[in-house]
Protein backbone atom coordinates (compact mmCIF):
# COMPACT_ATOMS: atom_id res chain seq x y z
CA MET A 1 -26.42 8.94 -13.80
CA SER A 2 -28.22 7.74 -16.89
CA LEU A 3 -29.59 4.22 -17.06
CA TYR A 4 -28.98 4.24 -20.79
CA ASP A 5 -25.23 4.90 -20.72
CA GLY A 6 -25.39 5.25 -24.51
CA ASN A 7 -26.92 1.80 -24.90
CA PRO A 8 -30.71 1.22 -25.00
CA ALA A 9 -30.16 -2.29 -23.63
CA TYR A 10 -28.42 -0.99 -20.51
CA PRO A 11 -31.57 -0.73 -18.28
CA THR A 12 -32.34 -4.40 -18.95
CA ALA A 13 -28.76 -5.31 -18.05
CA VAL A 14 -29.03 -3.33 -14.80
CA ALA A 15 -32.28 -5.13 -13.93
CA GLN A 16 -30.63 -8.50 -14.61
CA ASN A 17 -27.70 -7.58 -12.34
CA ILE A 18 -30.08 -6.59 -9.53
CA TRP A 19 -31.91 -9.88 -10.01
CA ASP A 20 -28.71 -11.94 -9.98
CA LEU A 21 -27.07 -10.15 -7.05
CA PHE A 22 -29.99 -9.70 -4.65
CA LEU A 23 -33.14 -11.51 -5.75
CA GLY A 24 -33.92 -14.82 -7.45
CA GLY A 25 -30.96 -15.06 -9.80
CA TYR A 26 -27.47 -16.44 -9.32
CA SER A 27 -24.04 -14.86 -9.23
CA ASN A 28 -20.64 -15.63 -7.76
CA PHE A 29 -20.63 -12.09 -6.40
CA ARG A 30 -23.84 -11.95 -4.31
CA PRO A 31 -22.90 -9.58 -1.43
CA PHE A 32 -24.95 -11.46 1.18
CA GLY A 33 -24.22 -14.94 -0.16
CA ASN A 34 -26.40 -17.25 -2.23
CA SER A 35 -28.51 -18.26 0.78
CA VAL A 36 -29.83 -14.71 1.30
CA VAL A 37 -32.59 -13.60 -1.08
CA LEU A 38 -34.09 -10.15 -0.56
CA ASP A 39 -37.85 -9.71 -0.85
CA GLY A 40 -37.70 -6.77 -3.23
CA VAL A 41 -36.19 -3.51 -4.46
CA ASP A 42 -36.96 0.11 -3.65
CA LEU A 43 -36.22 2.74 -6.31
CA HIS A 44 -34.93 5.82 -4.52
CA ILE A 45 -34.12 8.02 -7.53
CA TRP A 46 -33.79 11.71 -6.69
CA ASN A 47 -31.57 12.94 -9.53
CA ASN A 48 -34.51 13.84 -11.83
CA ASN A 49 -33.01 11.79 -14.66
CA LEU A 50 -35.75 9.94 -16.52
CA ASP A 51 -33.43 8.09 -18.90
CA GLY A 52 -34.06 4.36 -18.75
CA VAL A 53 -36.17 4.34 -15.57
CA SER A 54 -39.36 3.05 -17.20
CA ASP A 55 -37.36 0.38 -19.06
CA LEU A 56 -35.70 -0.64 -15.80
CA VAL A 57 -39.09 -0.97 -14.11
CA SER A 58 -40.45 -3.03 -17.01
CA ALA A 59 -37.46 -5.37 -16.90
CA LEU A 60 -37.64 -5.81 -13.13
CA THR A 61 -41.38 -6.42 -13.26
CA LYS A 62 -40.86 -9.13 -15.86
CA LEU A 63 -38.16 -10.85 -13.78
CA MET A 64 -40.10 -10.61 -10.51
CA GLN A 65 -43.36 -11.98 -11.95
CA GLY A 66 -45.28 -10.63 -8.98
CA TYR A 67 -43.34 -12.61 -6.39
CA TYR A 68 -41.12 -9.73 -5.20
CA ILE A 69 -41.70 -6.21 -3.93
CA LEU A 70 -41.01 -3.25 -6.21
CA SER A 71 -41.51 0.11 -4.54
CA ALA A 72 -40.74 3.76 -5.26
CA SER A 73 -39.48 6.43 -2.86
CA PRO A 74 -39.83 9.86 -4.50
CA ARG A 75 -39.46 13.25 -2.88
CA CYS A 76 -42.60 14.62 -1.28
CA GLN A 77 -43.49 17.29 -3.87
CA PHE A 78 -46.18 16.23 -6.31
CA PRO A 79 -45.90 15.45 -9.11
CA ASP A 80 -42.46 13.92 -8.78
CA TYR A 81 -40.20 14.38 -11.79
CA ILE A 82 -39.94 10.62 -12.36
CA PHE A 83 -42.75 8.90 -10.48
CA ASN A 84 -45.77 10.71 -11.83
CA PRO A 85 -48.98 10.02 -13.84
CA THR A 86 -47.30 10.88 -17.16
CA THR A 87 -44.23 8.66 -16.85
CA PHE A 88 -46.11 5.85 -15.13
CA PRO A 89 -49.80 6.01 -16.13
CA HIS A 90 -50.18 2.47 -14.78
CA PHE A 91 -48.13 3.08 -11.66
CA THR A 92 -50.31 0.96 -9.38
CA SER A 93 -49.83 -2.00 -11.71
CA ASN A 94 -46.03 -1.69 -11.69
CA PHE A 95 -45.32 -1.08 -8.01
CA SER A 96 -46.23 -2.67 -4.69
CA TYR A 97 -46.29 0.54 -2.65
CA ILE A 98 -44.95 4.10 -2.61
CA VAL A 99 -43.02 6.12 -0.01
CA PRO A 100 -43.10 9.89 -0.57
CA TYR A 101 -40.27 11.21 1.65
CA PHE A 102 -41.12 14.45 3.41
CA LEU A 103 -37.50 15.51 3.76
CA GLY A 104 -35.39 18.41 2.61
CA SER A 105 -38.17 20.52 1.04
CA PRO A 106 -39.27 23.03 3.74
CA ASN A 107 -40.71 25.49 1.23
CA ILE A 108 -42.89 22.84 -0.41
CA CYS A 109 -43.93 20.12 2.02
CA GLY A 110 -42.03 20.40 5.30
CA PHE A 111 -44.22 19.67 8.32
CA ALA A 112 -42.99 22.66 10.30
CA GLY A 113 -41.03 24.44 7.58
CA ASN A 114 -41.74 27.65 5.71
CA ASN A 115 -44.95 26.28 4.22
CA PRO A 116 -46.77 24.18 6.87
CA GLY A 117 -49.88 23.84 4.71
CA GLY A 118 -47.77 22.26 2.00
CA PHE A 119 -47.30 19.10 4.04
CA TRP A 120 -50.99 18.28 3.97
CA SER A 121 -51.69 19.56 0.45
CA THR A 122 -48.94 17.42 -1.10
CA LEU A 123 -50.00 14.41 0.96
CA ASP A 124 -53.55 14.93 -0.33
CA GLN A 125 -52.25 14.99 -3.91
CA TRP A 126 -50.30 11.73 -3.54
CA ASN A 127 -53.31 10.06 -2.01
CA SER A 128 -55.67 11.39 -4.68
CA TRP A 129 -53.44 10.05 -7.45
CA LEU A 130 -53.35 6.58 -5.92
CA ASN A 131 -57.03 6.30 -5.12
CA GLY A 132 -58.06 7.39 -8.62
CA SER A 133 -59.64 10.75 -7.84
CA MET A 134 -56.96 12.52 -9.91
CA PHE A 135 -55.95 12.01 -13.55
CA GLN A 136 -58.83 9.57 -14.10
CA THR A 137 -56.64 6.68 -13.00
CA PRO A 138 -58.24 3.44 -11.83
CA PRO A 139 -58.97 3.44 -8.09
CA SER A 140 -56.29 1.59 -6.14
CA SER A 141 -55.70 0.53 -2.56
CA MET A 142 -51.92 0.69 -3.05
CA PRO A 143 -50.27 1.35 0.33
CA MET A 144 -48.71 4.78 0.77
CA TYR A 145 -46.10 5.08 3.51
CA LEU A 146 -45.17 8.49 4.83
CA GLY A 147 -41.38 8.97 4.74
CA LEU A 148 -40.17 10.83 7.82
CA ALA A 149 -36.97 11.81 9.59
CA ASP A 150 -36.53 9.89 12.84
CA TRP A 151 -33.89 12.17 14.35
CA PRO A 152 -34.52 15.66 15.78
CA VAL A 153 -31.15 17.10 14.68
CA GLU A 154 -31.45 18.71 11.25
CA ALA A 155 -27.81 18.44 10.22
CA TRP A 156 -27.97 14.90 8.96
CA ASP A 157 -28.55 13.09 5.71
CA GLN A 158 -31.20 14.83 3.57
CA ALA A 159 -33.15 16.43 6.46
CA THR A 160 -33.80 20.11 7.14
CA THR A 161 -35.30 22.16 9.95
CA GLY A 162 -38.94 21.23 10.53
CA ASP A 163 -38.79 17.74 9.00
CA TYR A 164 -38.81 15.90 12.33
CA ILE A 165 -42.29 15.48 13.83
CA SER A 166 -42.03 15.05 17.59
CA PRO A 167 -44.16 12.59 19.59
CA VAL A 168 -45.68 15.59 21.38
CA ALA A 169 -46.88 16.96 18.01
CA PHE A 170 -48.41 13.58 17.14
CA VAL A 171 -50.36 13.65 20.40
CA GLU A 172 -51.35 17.31 20.64
CA GLN A 173 -52.35 17.63 16.97
CA ASP A 174 -54.08 14.23 16.66
CA LEU A 175 -51.92 13.45 13.65
CA ILE A 176 -52.69 9.73 13.46
CA THR A 177 -56.41 10.43 13.11
CA ARG A 178 -55.79 12.95 10.36
CA LEU A 179 -53.31 10.69 8.54
CA LYS A 180 -55.67 7.71 8.67
CA SER A 181 -58.35 9.80 7.00
CA HIS A 182 -56.28 9.37 3.81
CA SER A 183 -57.54 6.20 2.14
CA ASN A 184 -54.13 4.92 1.03
CA PHE A 185 -52.11 5.79 4.13
CA ALA A 186 -50.54 2.59 5.46
CA GLY A 187 -47.87 3.68 7.94
CA PHE A 188 -44.44 5.26 8.12
CA ALA A 189 -41.03 4.79 6.56
CA LEU A 190 -38.28 6.17 8.78
CA GLN A 191 -34.85 7.27 7.70
CA ASP A 192 -32.83 5.70 9.01
CA ALA A 193 -32.74 2.72 11.38
CA SER A 194 -29.39 3.63 12.93
CA TYR A 195 -30.63 7.09 13.96
CA ASP A 196 -33.85 5.66 15.35
CA SER A 197 -31.98 3.20 17.57
CA ASN A 198 -30.35 6.19 19.29
CA ASN A 199 -33.43 8.41 19.50
CA HIS A 200 -35.25 7.93 22.81
CA PRO A 201 -37.58 10.95 22.86
CA CYS A 202 -39.79 10.05 25.85
CA VAL A 203 -38.24 11.57 28.99
CA ASN A 204 -40.91 9.92 31.16
CA ASP A 205 -39.66 6.41 30.29
CA PRO A 206 -37.66 4.53 32.95
CA PRO A 207 -33.91 4.44 32.20
CA LYS A 208 -33.94 0.71 31.40
CA SER A 209 -37.11 0.77 29.28
CA LYS A 210 -36.71 3.73 26.96
CA ARG A 211 -38.77 3.64 23.78
CA THR A 212 -37.38 4.60 20.43
CA TYR A 213 -39.19 7.00 18.13
CA SER A 214 -40.38 4.11 15.97
CA GLN A 215 -41.80 2.25 18.98
CA PHE A 216 -43.87 5.28 19.90
CA LEU A 217 -45.22 5.59 16.34
CA TYR A 218 -45.89 1.85 16.16
CA LYS A 219 -48.10 1.99 19.23
CA GLN A 220 -49.95 5.06 17.94
CA LEU A 221 -50.62 3.29 14.65
CA THR A 222 -51.96 0.12 16.21
CA LEU A 223 -54.12 1.53 18.98
CA PRO A 224 -57.82 2.27 18.24
CA LEU A 225 -58.23 5.87 17.11
CA ASN A 226 -60.08 6.79 20.31
CA GLU A 227 -56.91 5.88 22.25
CA THR A 228 -54.42 7.86 20.13
CA GLY A 229 -53.50 11.53 19.91
CA LYS A 230 -55.06 13.62 22.65
CA PHE A 231 -56.77 10.48 23.95
CA THR A 232 -53.45 8.70 24.57
CA SER A 233 -53.40 7.24 28.08
CA ASP A 234 -50.59 7.81 30.59
CA LYS A 235 -49.39 4.28 29.89
CA TYR A 236 -48.43 5.19 26.31
CA MET A 237 -47.82 8.93 26.66
CA CYS A 238 -44.48 10.30 25.48
CA LEU A 239 -43.41 13.50 27.22
CA ASP A 240 -40.61 15.82 26.15
CA LYS A 241 -40.36 17.43 29.59
CA VAL A 242 -40.37 16.02 33.12
CA PRO A 243 -43.59 17.09 34.92
CA LYS A 244 -42.87 19.88 37.41
CA THR A 245 -43.64 19.71 41.10
CA THR A 246 -46.55 21.95 42.10
CA SER A 247 -47.44 23.37 45.50
CA SER A 248 -50.60 24.79 47.03
CA SER A 249 -51.34 26.06 50.57
CA MET A 250 -48.30 24.54 52.26
CA LYS A 251 -49.01 21.15 50.64
CA LYS A 252 -46.59 19.87 48.06
CA THR A 253 -47.99 17.55 45.41
CA THR A 254 -45.77 15.77 42.97
CA THR A 255 -47.21 14.67 39.66
CA LYS A 256 -47.67 10.91 39.70
CA PRO A 257 -44.98 9.21 37.62
CA VAL A 258 -46.13 7.66 34.38
CA LYS A 259 -46.04 3.87 34.38
CA ASN A 260 -43.51 1.96 32.36
CA ALA A 261 -44.39 1.95 28.65
CA GLU A 262 -44.69 -1.26 26.70
CA THR A 263 -41.58 -2.24 24.87
CA GLY A 264 -42.64 -5.64 23.59
CA THR A 265 -44.54 -6.47 20.40
CA PRO A 266 -47.67 -4.30 20.32
CA THR A 267 -51.07 -5.94 20.18
CA THR A 268 -54.52 -4.56 19.48
CA SER A 269 -58.02 -5.33 20.64
CA HIS A 270 -59.34 -5.46 17.07
CA ALA A 271 -59.62 -9.12 16.12
CA ASN A 272 -59.64 -8.32 12.42
CA ARG A 273 -56.45 -6.25 12.47
CA SER A 274 -53.06 -7.77 11.83
CA VAL A 275 -49.86 -5.83 12.32
CA THR A 276 -46.64 -6.19 10.40
CA ALA A 277 -43.29 -4.43 10.48
CA LEU A 278 -40.94 -4.48 7.50
CA PHE A 279 -37.30 -3.72 8.22
CA PHE A 280 -34.59 -2.73 5.76
CA LEU A 281 -30.83 -2.24 5.91
CA PHE A 282 -30.80 1.56 6.26
CA GLY A 283 -34.44 2.53 6.66
CA PHE A 284 -37.59 0.70 7.61
CA LEU A 285 -41.35 0.77 7.46
CA ILE A 286 -43.87 0.82 10.27
CA SER A 287 -47.07 -0.55 8.85
CA PHE A 288 -50.58 -1.43 9.86
CA LEU A 289 -52.81 -3.66 7.76
CA PHE A 290 -56.51 -4.34 8.09
């Protein structure tokens, strides 16, 4: 779909419609009613059609005047066809944050796909662009959220084999520590909320207190680094198999059950750290802020 539609003024008209239907404008056709005002717009454009995108962003930026969120969710490969240093040389001035989605590209940036090293190399490139170490762009602290699949079954919207990163992988490979070494990493964006609500990956959780995938990630994000990954305590551990019973010299010893995991709002011992979660209609962010 082209944002021009044969008319150079079309991107501005689209921006005005978005403003009137969802943000600070007015329309008789607002889908959530006039009392509901969204806090921003995410541009999830994966059709590689540049026509009118920069004009749309300019028009939205002018309408929002800095009071609303404008974010971009490109595919993981860098540079993206649309959201890149050439099309948006002042990207960090136009957008509030970015969400590169590591989905559907196993040969380029899948975590456990055909090119495992590509996951980290592309993440490094996105981070380097934002922090100014690439393309001589001004250094920026713009938040970068890592877009992930939150469902282990590959045959669903936009995901492929190897996209899903299990809680066990997060623990055994100390992924939170490695991710936080990227200056602009701010958390995760999971696709989508409905799948997450049905994904309870921790088999050691009691039946009535099962954590979702997002709850596990949230706790890993907000714990001190020396309590995450391989240092995760039994209280927060997420196992994909029930511990087996072991025996030795006629004595049977059963592995001590893991205590109930926290399911309430996570807290942290760092007084200077505040935690926020941003939820959306189909997908959501898990964020930590310092």
